[in-house]
Amino acid sequence: LGSTNSVAVSAVPLDSVVGMESYQISVEKAATT
């Protein structure tokens, strides 16, 4: 909390997770064209 430095992890227990979100970036073809 409040840090910009990270520590590498390979797994975290689900019972210590409040919520998760995924991010997708897509190209808006009509606006781009």
Full PDB file with SEQRES, HELIX, SHEET, SSBOND, CRYST1, ORIGX, SCALE, CONECT and MASTER records, all heavy atoms in Angstrom:
SEQRES   1 A   33  LEU GLY SER THR ASN SER VAL ALA VAL SER ALA VAL PRO          
SEQRES   2 A   33  LEU ASP SER VAL VAL GLY MET GLU SER TYR GLN ILE SER          
SEQRES   3 A   33  VAL GLU LYS ALA ALA THR THR                                  
HELIX    1 AA1 LEU A   14  SER A   16  5                                   3    
HELIX    2 AA2 LYS A   29  THR A   32  1                                   4    
CRYST1    1.000    1.000    1.000  90.00  90.00  90.00 P 1           1          
ORIGX1      1.000000  0.000000  0.000000        0.00000                         
ORIGX2      0.000000  1.000000  0.000000        0.00000                         
ORIGX3      0.000000  0.000000  1.000000        0.00000                         
SCALE1      1.000000  0.000000  0.000000        0.00000                         
SCALE2      0.000000  1.000000  0.000000        0.00000                         
SCALE3      0.000000  0.000000  1.000000        0.00000                         
ATOM      1  N   LEU A   1       0.839  -1.195   0.000  1.00  0.00           N  
ATOM      2  CA  LEU A   1       0.000   0.000   0.000  1.00  0.00           C  
ATOM      3  C   LEU A   1       0.882   1.256   0.000  1.00  0.00           C  
ATOM      4  O   LEU A   1       1.752   1.411   0.856  1.00  0.00           O  
ATOM      5  CB  LEU A   1      -0.916   0.007   1.225  1.00  0.00           C  
ATOM      6  CG  LEU A   1      -1.907   1.160   1.327  1.00  0.00           C  
ATOM      7  CD1 LEU A   1      -2.861   1.146   0.146  1.00  0.00           C  
ATOM      8  CD2 LEU A   1      -2.686   1.070   2.625  1.00  0.00           C  
ATOM      9  N   GLY A   2       0.710   2.130  -0.976  1.00  0.00           N  
ATOM     10  CA  GLY A   2       1.454   3.376  -1.076  1.00  0.00           C  
ATOM     11  C   GLY A   2       2.855   3.241  -1.639  1.00  0.00           C  
ATOM     12  O   GLY A   2       3.606   4.208  -1.637  1.00  0.00           O  
ATOM     13  N   SER A   3       3.225   2.080  -2.129  1.00  0.00           N  
ATOM     14  CA  SER A   3       4.578   1.869  -2.639  1.00  0.00           C  
ATOM     15  C   SER A   3       4.576   1.764  -4.162  1.00  0.00           C  
ATOM     16  O   SER A   3       3.615   1.289  -4.766  1.00  0.00           O  
ATOM     17  CB  SER A   3       5.154   0.584  -2.047  1.00  0.00           C  
ATOM     18  OG  SER A   3       6.422   0.311  -2.602  1.00  0.00           O  
ATOM     19  N   THR A   4       5.680   2.196  -4.759  1.00  0.00           N  
ATOM     20  CA  THR A   4       5.847   2.020  -6.205  1.00  0.00           C  
ATOM     21  C   THR A   4       6.847   0.906  -6.504  1.00  0.00           C  
ATOM     22  O   THR A   4       7.064   0.582  -7.658  1.00  0.00           O  
ATOM     23  CB  THR A   4       6.343   3.329  -6.863  1.00  0.00           C  
ATOM     24  OG1 THR A   4       7.565   3.717  -6.248  1.00  0.00           O  
ATOM     25  CG2 THR A   4       5.313   4.435  -6.733  1.00  0.00           C  
ATOM     26  N   ASN A   5       7.424   0.347  -5.470  1.00  0.00           N  
ATOM     27  CA  ASN A   5       8.364  -0.767  -5.626  1.00  0.00           C  
ATOM     28  C   ASN A   5       7.593  -2.072  -5.511  1.00  0.00           C  
ATOM     29  O   ASN A   5       6.693  -2.204  -4.687  1.00  0.00           O  
ATOM     30  CB  ASN A   5       9.459  -0.711  -4.556  1.00  0.00           C  
ATOM     31  CG  ASN A   5      10.284   0.552  -4.664  1.00  0.00           C  
ATOM     32  OD1 ASN A   5      10.513   1.050  -5.758  1.00  0.00           O  
ATOM     33  ND2 ASN A   5      10.701   1.082  -3.535  1.00  0.00           N  
ATOM     34  N   SER A   6       7.973  -3.038  -6.319  1.00  0.00           N  
ATOM     35  CA  SER A   6       7.251  -4.309  -6.314  1.00  0.00           C  
ATOM     36  C   SER A   6       8.163  -5.453  -5.909  1.00  0.00           C  
ATOM     37  O   SER A   6       9.378  -5.373  -6.000  1.00  0.00           O  
ATOM     38  CB  SER A   6       6.664  -4.586  -7.697  1.00  0.00           C  
ATOM     39  OG  SER A   6       7.695  -4.792  -8.634  1.00  0.00           O  
ATOM     40  N   VAL A   7       7.491  -6.537  -5.483  1.00  0.00           N  
ATOM     41  CA  VAL A   7       8.166  -7.790  -5.148  1.00  0.00           C  
ATOM     42  C   VAL A   7       7.527  -8.865  -6.025  1.00  0.00           C  
ATOM     43  O   VAL A   7       6.300  -8.939  -6.135  1.00  0.00           O  
ATOM     44  CB  VAL A   7       7.984  -8.129  -3.651  1.00  0.00           C  
ATOM     45  CG1 VAL A   7       8.598  -9.477  -3.324  1.00  0.00           C  
ATOM     46  CG2 VAL A   7       8.561  -7.038  -2.783  1.00  0.00           C  
ATOM     47  N   ALA A   8       8.356  -9.688  -6.652  1.00  0.00           N  
ATOM     48  CA  ALA A   8       7.837 -10.738  -7.543  1.00  0.00           C  
ATOM     49  C   ALA A   8       7.115 -11.811  -6.725  1.00  0.00           C  
ATOM     50  O   ALA A   8       7.577 -12.223  -5.665  1.00  0.00           O  
ATOM     51  CB  ALA A   8       8.967 -11.357  -8.344  1.00  0.00           C  
ATOM     52  N   VAL A   9       5.963 -12.242  -7.231  1.00  0.00           N  
ATOM     53  CA  VAL A   9       5.198 -13.345  -6.620  1.00  0.00           C  
ATOM     54  C   VAL A   9       4.734 -14.269  -7.726  1.00  0.00           C  
ATOM     55  O   VAL A   9       4.581 -13.861  -8.871  1.00  0.00           O  
ATOM     56  CB  VAL A   9       3.981 -12.840  -5.812  1.00  0.00           C  
ATOM     57  CG1 VAL A   9       4.414 -12.005  -4.618  1.00  0.00           C  
ATOM     58  CG2 VAL A   9       3.028 -12.047  -6.676  1.00  0.00           C  
ATOM     59  N   SER A  10       4.505 -15.524  -7.380  1.00  0.00           N  
ATOM     60  CA  SER A  10       3.999 -16.475  -8.370  1.00  0.00           C  
ATOM     61  C   SER A  10       2.593 -16.947  -8.048  1.00  0.00           C  
ATOM     62  O   SER A  10       1.914 -17.492  -8.915  1.00  0.00           O  
ATOM     63  CB  SER A  10       4.929 -17.676  -8.490  1.00  0.00           C  
ATOM     64  OG  SER A  10       5.039 -18.324  -7.243  1.00  0.00           O  
ATOM     65  N   ALA A  11       2.152 -16.734  -6.803  1.00  0.00           N  
ATOM     66  CA  ALA A  11       0.794 -17.140  -6.417  1.00  0.00           C  
ATOM     67  C   ALA A  11       0.374 -16.366  -5.181  1.00  0.00           C  
ATOM     68  O   ALA A  11       1.204 -16.010  -4.342  1.00  0.00           O  
ATOM     69  CB  ALA A  11       0.743 -18.630  -6.145  1.00  0.00           C  
ATOM     70  N   VAL A  12      -0.912 -16.087  -5.077  1.00  0.00           N  
ATOM     71  CA  VAL A  12      -1.489 -15.500  -3.866  1.00  0.00           C  
ATOM     72  C   VAL A  12      -2.741 -16.296  -3.515  1.00  0.00           C  
ATOM     73  O   VAL A  12      -3.465 -16.748  -4.398  1.00  0.00           O  
ATOM     74  CB  VAL A  12      -1.821 -14.000  -4.045  1.00  0.00           C  
ATOM     75  CG1 VAL A  12      -0.582 -13.172  -4.221  1.00  0.00           C  
ATOM     76  CG2 VAL A  12      -2.772 -13.766  -5.189  1.00  0.00           C  
ATOM     77  N   PRO A  13      -3.005 -16.505  -2.221  1.00  0.00           N  
ATOM     78  CA  PRO A  13      -4.197 -17.253  -1.832  1.00  0.00           C  
ATOM     79  C   PRO A  13      -5.468 -16.452  -2.103  1.00  0.00           C  
ATOM     80  O   PRO A  13      -5.516 -15.248  -1.866  1.00  0.00           O  
ATOM     81  CB  PRO A  13      -4.004 -17.501  -0.337  1.00  0.00           C  
ATOM     82  CG  PRO A  13      -2.920 -16.595   0.098  1.00  0.00           C  
ATOM     83  CD  PRO A  13      -2.167 -16.155  -1.103  1.00  0.00           C  
ATOM     84  N   LEU A  14      -6.476 -17.132  -2.609  1.00  0.00           N  
ATOM     85  CA  LEU A  14      -7.743 -16.480  -2.940  1.00  0.00           C  
ATOM     86  C   LEU A  14      -8.436 -15.919  -1.707  1.00  0.00           C  
ATOM     87  O   LEU A  14      -9.155 -14.925  -1.820  1.00  0.00           O  
ATOM     88  CB  LEU A  14      -8.681 -17.477  -3.639  1.00  0.00           C  
ATOM     89  CG  LEU A  14      -8.736 -17.408  -5.160  1.00  0.00           C  
ATOM     90  CD1 LEU A  14      -9.636 -18.488  -5.711  1.00  0.00           C  
ATOM     91  CD2 LEU A  14      -9.152 -16.065  -5.667  1.00  0.00           C  
ATOM     92  N   ASP A  15      -8.233 -16.511  -0.539  1.00  0.00           N  
ATOM     93  CA  ASP A  15      -8.924 -16.021   0.656  1.00  0.00           C  
ATOM     94  C   ASP A  15      -8.367 -14.684   1.149  1.00  0.00           C  
ATOM     95  O   ASP A  15      -8.966 -14.031   1.991  1.00  0.00           O  
ATOM     96  CB  ASP A  15      -8.910 -17.061   1.776  1.00  0.00           C  
ATOM     97  CG  ASP A  15      -7.517 -17.464   2.214  1.00  0.00           C  
ATOM     98  OD1 ASP A  15      -6.540 -16.935   1.656  1.00  0.00           O  
ATOM     99  OD2 ASP A  15      -7.418 -18.322   3.109  1.00  0.00           O  
ATOM    100  N   SER A  16      -7.240 -14.225   0.598  1.00  0.00           N  
ATOM    101  CA  SER A  16      -6.714 -12.906   0.956  1.00  0.00           C  
ATOM    102  C   SER A  16      -6.961 -11.868  -0.146  1.00  0.00           C  
ATOM    103  O   SER A  16      -6.472 -10.743  -0.063  1.00  0.00           O  
ATOM    104  CB  SER A  16      -5.220 -12.998   1.271  1.00  0.00           C  
ATOM    105  OG  SER A  16      -4.498 -13.422   0.149  1.00  0.00           O  
ATOM    106  N   VAL A  17      -7.745 -12.245  -1.152  1.00  0.00           N  
ATOM    107  CA  VAL A  17      -8.075 -11.350  -2.268  1.00  0.00           C  
ATOM    108  C   VAL A  17      -9.475 -10.783  -2.072  1.00  0.00           C  
ATOM    109  O   VAL A  17     -10.431 -11.527  -1.868  1.00  0.00           O  
ATOM    110  CB  VAL A  17      -7.995 -12.101  -3.623  1.00  0.00           C  
ATOM    111  CG1 VAL A  17      -8.453 -11.195  -4.761  1.00  0.00           C  
ATOM    112  CG2 VAL A  17      -6.596 -12.617  -3.869  1.00  0.00           C  
ATOM    113  N   VAL A  18      -9.579  -9.448  -2.103  1.00  0.00           N  
ATOM    114  CA  VAL A  18     -10.880  -8.784  -1.971  1.00  0.00           C  
ATOM    115  C   VAL A  18     -11.616  -8.819  -3.309  1.00  0.00           C  
ATOM    116  O   VAL A  18     -12.805  -9.109  -3.375  1.00  0.00           O  
ATOM    117  CB  VAL A  18     -10.703  -7.324  -1.513  1.00  0.00           C  
ATOM    118  CG1 VAL A  18     -12.031  -6.596  -1.484  1.00  0.00           C  
ATOM    119  CG2 VAL A  18     -10.031  -7.256  -0.170  1.00  0.00           C  
ATOM    120  N   GLY A  19     -10.910  -8.512  -4.381  1.00  0.00           N  
ATOM    121  CA  GLY A  19     -11.513  -8.498  -5.705  1.00  0.00           C  
ATOM    122  C   GLY A  19     -10.440  -8.519  -6.776  1.00  0.00           C  
ATOM    123  O   GLY A  19      -9.283  -8.186  -6.523  1.00  0.00           O  
ATOM    124  N   MET A  20     -10.847  -8.930  -7.966  1.00  0.00           N  
ATOM    125  CA  MET A  20      -9.916  -8.990  -9.102  1.00  0.00           C  
ATOM    126  C   MET A  20     -10.595  -8.417 -10.337  1.00  0.00           C  
ATOM    127  O   MET A  20     -11.814  -8.534 -10.491  1.00  0.00           O  
ATOM    128  CB  MET A  20      -9.508 -10.436  -9.390  1.00  0.00           C  
ATOM    129  CG  MET A  20      -8.662 -11.072  -8.332  1.00  0.00           C  
ATOM    130  SD  MET A  20      -8.221 -12.762  -8.763  1.00  0.00           S  
ATOM    131  CE  MET A  20      -9.796 -13.594  -8.606  1.00  0.00           C  
ATOM    132  N   GLU A  21      -9.764  -7.839 -11.186  1.00  0.00           N  
ATOM    133  CA  GLU A  21     -10.277  -7.301 -12.440  1.00  0.00           C  
ATOM    134  C   GLU A  21      -9.274  -7.559 -13.549  1.00  0.00           C  
ATOM    135  O   GLU A  21      -8.073  -7.645 -13.304  1.00  0.00           O  
ATOM    136  CB  GLU A  21     -10.557  -5.797 -12.293  1.00  0.00           C  
ATOM    137  CG  GLU A  21      -9.385  -5.011 -11.785  1.00  0.00           C  
ATOM    138  CD  GLU A  21      -9.785  -3.704 -11.110  1.00  0.00           C  
ATOM    139  OE1 GLU A  21     -10.965  -3.488 -10.843  1.00  0.00           O  
ATOM    140  OE2 GLU A  21      -8.882  -2.897 -10.874  1.00  0.00           O  
ATOM    141  N   SER A  22      -9.798  -7.724 -14.750  1.00  0.00           N  
ATOM    142  CA  SER A  22      -8.931  -7.920 -15.917  1.00  0.00           C  
ATOM    143  C   SER A  22      -9.125  -6.749 -16.870  1.00  0.00           C  
ATOM    144  O   SER A  22     -10.174  -6.102 -16.874  1.00  0.00           O  
ATOM    145  CB  SER A  22      -9.241  -9.235 -16.622  1.00  0.00           C  
ATOM    146  OG  SER A  22     -10.523  -9.176 -17.212  1.00  0.00           O  
ATOM    147  N   TYR A  23      -8.088  -6.501 -17.649  1.00  0.00           N  
ATOM    148  CA  TYR A  23      -8.074  -5.361 -18.557  1.00  0.00           C  
ATOM    149  C   TYR A  23      -7.865  -5.831 -19.983  1.00  0.00           C  
ATOM    150  O   TYR A  23      -6.976  -6.612 -20.248  1.00  0.00           O  
ATOM    151  CB  TYR A  23      -6.936  -4.402 -18.184  1.00  0.00           C  
ATOM    152  CG  TYR A  23      -7.059  -3.848 -16.791  1.00  0.00           C  
ATOM    153  CD1 TYR A  23      -6.546  -4.531 -15.694  1.00  0.00           C  
ATOM    154  CD2 TYR A  23      -7.700  -2.647 -16.571  1.00  0.00           C  
ATOM    155  CE1 TYR A  23      -6.671  -4.026 -14.414  1.00  0.00           C  
ATOM    156  CE2 TYR A  23      -7.826  -2.134 -15.297  1.00  0.00           C  
ATOM    157  CZ  TYR A  23      -7.312  -2.822 -14.220  1.00  0.00           C  
ATOM    158  OH  TYR A  23      -7.438  -2.327 -12.970  1.00  0.00           O  
ATOM    159  N   GLN A  24      -8.701  -5.332 -20.889  1.00  0.00           N  
ATOM    160  CA  GLN A  24      -8.533  -5.606 -22.305  1.00  0.00           C  
ATOM    161  C   GLN A  24      -8.523  -4.274 -23.048  1.00  0.00           C  
ATOM    162  O   GLN A  24      -9.328  -3.402 -22.751  1.00  0.00           O  
ATOM    163  CB  GLN A  24      -9.665  -6.473 -22.883  1.00  0.00           C  
ATOM    164  CG  GLN A  24      -9.741  -7.875 -22.339  1.00  0.00           C  
ATOM    165  CD  GLN A  24     -10.527  -7.963 -21.048  1.00  0.00           C  
ATOM    166  OE1 GLN A  24     -11.413  -7.171 -20.805  1.00  0.00           O  
ATOM    167  NE2 GLN A  24     -10.195  -8.932 -20.216  1.00  0.00           N  
ATOM    168  N   ILE A  25      -7.621  -4.150 -23.990  1.00  0.00           N  
ATOM    169  CA  ILE A  25      -7.572  -2.959 -24.837  1.00  0.00           C  
ATOM    170  C   ILE A  25      -7.933  -3.382 -26.249  1.00  0.00           C  
ATOM    171  O   ILE A  25      -7.330  -4.296 -26.809  1.00  0.00           O  
ATOM    172  CB  ILE A  25      -6.167  -2.316 -24.809  1.00  0.00           C  
ATOM    173  CG1 ILE A  25      -5.838  -1.846 -23.393  1.00  0.00           C  
ATOM    174  CG2 ILE A  25      -6.098  -1.158 -25.794  1.00  0.00           C  
ATOM    175  CD1 ILE A  25      -4.437  -1.315 -23.227  1.00  0.00           C  
ATOM    176  N   SER A  26      -8.937  -2.710 -26.797  1.00  0.00           N  
ATOM    177  CA  SER A  26      -9.358  -3.020 -28.162  1.00  0.00           C  
ATOM    178  C   SER A  26      -9.296  -1.749 -29.006  1.00  0.00           C  
ATOM    179  O   SER A  26      -9.376  -0.643 -28.499  1.00  0.00           O  
ATOM    180  CB  SER A  26     -10.774  -3.603 -28.169  1.00  0.00           C  
ATOM    181  OG  SER A  26     -11.681  -2.681 -27.584  1.00  0.00           O  
ATOM    182  N   VAL A  27      -9.152  -1.936 -30.303  1.00  0.00           N  
ATOM    183  CA  VAL A  27      -9.104  -0.811 -31.239  1.00  0.00           C  
ATOM    184  C   VAL A  27     -10.526  -0.536 -31.716  1.00  0.00           C  
ATOM    185  O   VAL A  27     -11.235  -1.445 -32.143  1.00  0.00           O  
ATOM    186  CB  VAL A  27      -8.182  -1.131 -32.441  1.00  0.00           C  
ATOM    187  CG1 VAL A  27      -8.243  -0.029 -33.487  1.00  0.00           C  
ATOM    188  CG2 VAL A  27      -6.760  -1.341 -31.960  1.00  0.00           C  
ATOM    189  N   GLU A  28     -10.935   0.723 -31.636  1.00  0.00           N  
ATOM    190  CA  GLU A  28     -12.243   1.120 -32.151  1.00  0.00           C  
ATOM    191  C   GLU A  28     -12.090   1.374 -33.645  1.00  0.00           C  
ATOM    192  O   GLU A  28     -11.580   2.408 -34.070  1.00  0.00           O  
ATOM    193  CB  GLU A  28     -12.751   2.346 -31.419  1.00  0.00           C  
ATOM    194  CG  GLU A  28     -13.065   2.070 -29.964  1.00  0.00           C  
ATOM    195  CD  GLU A  28     -13.743   3.239 -29.289  1.00  0.00           C  
ATOM    196  OE1 GLU A  28     -14.195   4.175 -29.992  1.00  0.00           O  
ATOM    197  OE2 GLU A  28     -13.835   3.195 -28.062  1.00  0.00           O  
ATOM    198  N   LYS A  29     -12.536   0.398 -34.437  1.00  0.00           N  
ATOM    199  CA  LYS A  29     -12.269   0.420 -35.881  1.00  0.00           C  
ATOM    200  C   LYS A  29     -12.961   1.567 -36.603  1.00  0.00           C  
ATOM    201  O   LYS A  29     -12.362   2.211 -37.454  1.00  0.00           O  
ATOM    202  CB  LYS A  29     -12.673  -0.916 -36.495  1.00  0.00           C  
ATOM    203  CG  LYS A  29     -11.805  -2.054 -36.015  1.00  0.00           C  
ATOM    204  CD  LYS A  29     -12.268  -3.388 -36.547  1.00  0.00           C  
ATOM    205  CE  LYS A  29     -11.407  -4.491 -35.953  1.00  0.00           C  
ATOM    206  NZ  LYS A  29     -11.935  -5.798 -36.210  1.00  0.00           N  
ATOM    207  N   ALA A  30     -14.210   1.848 -36.273  1.00  0.00           N  
ATOM    208  CA  ALA A  30     -14.945   2.901 -36.981  1.00  0.00           C  
ATOM    209  C   ALA A  30     -14.320   4.273 -36.722  1.00  0.00           C  
ATOM    210  O   ALA A  30     -14.078   5.040 -37.661  1.00  0.00           O  
ATOM    211  CB  ALA A  30     -16.408   2.899 -36.556  1.00  0.00           C  
ATOM    212  N   ALA A  31     -14.046   4.588 -35.467  1.00  0.00           N  
ATOM    213  CA  ALA A  31     -13.442   5.886 -35.134  1.00  0.00           C  
ATOM    214  C   ALA A  31     -12.046   6.013 -35.732  1.00  0.00           C  
ATOM    215  O   ALA A  31     -11.665   7.077 -36.227  1.00  0.00           O  
ATOM    216  CB  ALA A  31     -13.392   6.067 -33.622  1.00  0.00           C  
ATOM    217  N   THR A  32     -11.278   4.925 -35.694  1.00  0.00           N  
ATOM    218  CA  THR A  32      -9.927   4.944 -36.251  1.00  0.00           C  
ATOM    219  C   THR A  32      -9.969   5.181 -37.759  1.00  0.00           C  
ATOM    220  O   THR A  32      -9.222   6.004 -38.287  1.00  0.00           O  
ATOM    221  CB  THR A  32      -9.209   3.621 -35.939  1.00  0.00           C  
ATOM    222  OG1 THR A  32      -9.074   3.503 -34.525  1.00  0.00           O  
ATOM    223  CG2 THR A  32      -7.841   3.559 -36.580  1.00  0.00           C  
ATOM    224  N   THR A  33     -10.847   4.481 -38.458  1.00  0.00           N  
ATOM    225  CA  THR A  33     -10.979   4.641 -39.911  1.00  0.00           C  
ATOM    226  C   THR A  33     -11.422   6.050 -40.268  1.00  0.00           C  
ATOM    227  O   THR A  33     -10.863   6.677 -41.171  1.00  0.00           O  
ATOM    228  CB  THR A  33     -11.974   3.606 -40.470  1.00  0.00           C  
ATOM    229  OG1 THR A  33     -11.526   2.300 -40.128  1.00  0.00           O  
ATOM    230  CG2 THR A  33     -12.109   3.726 -41.973  1.00  0.00           C  
TER     231      THR A  33                                                      
MASTER        0    0    0    2    0    0    0    6  230    1    0    3          
END                                                                             
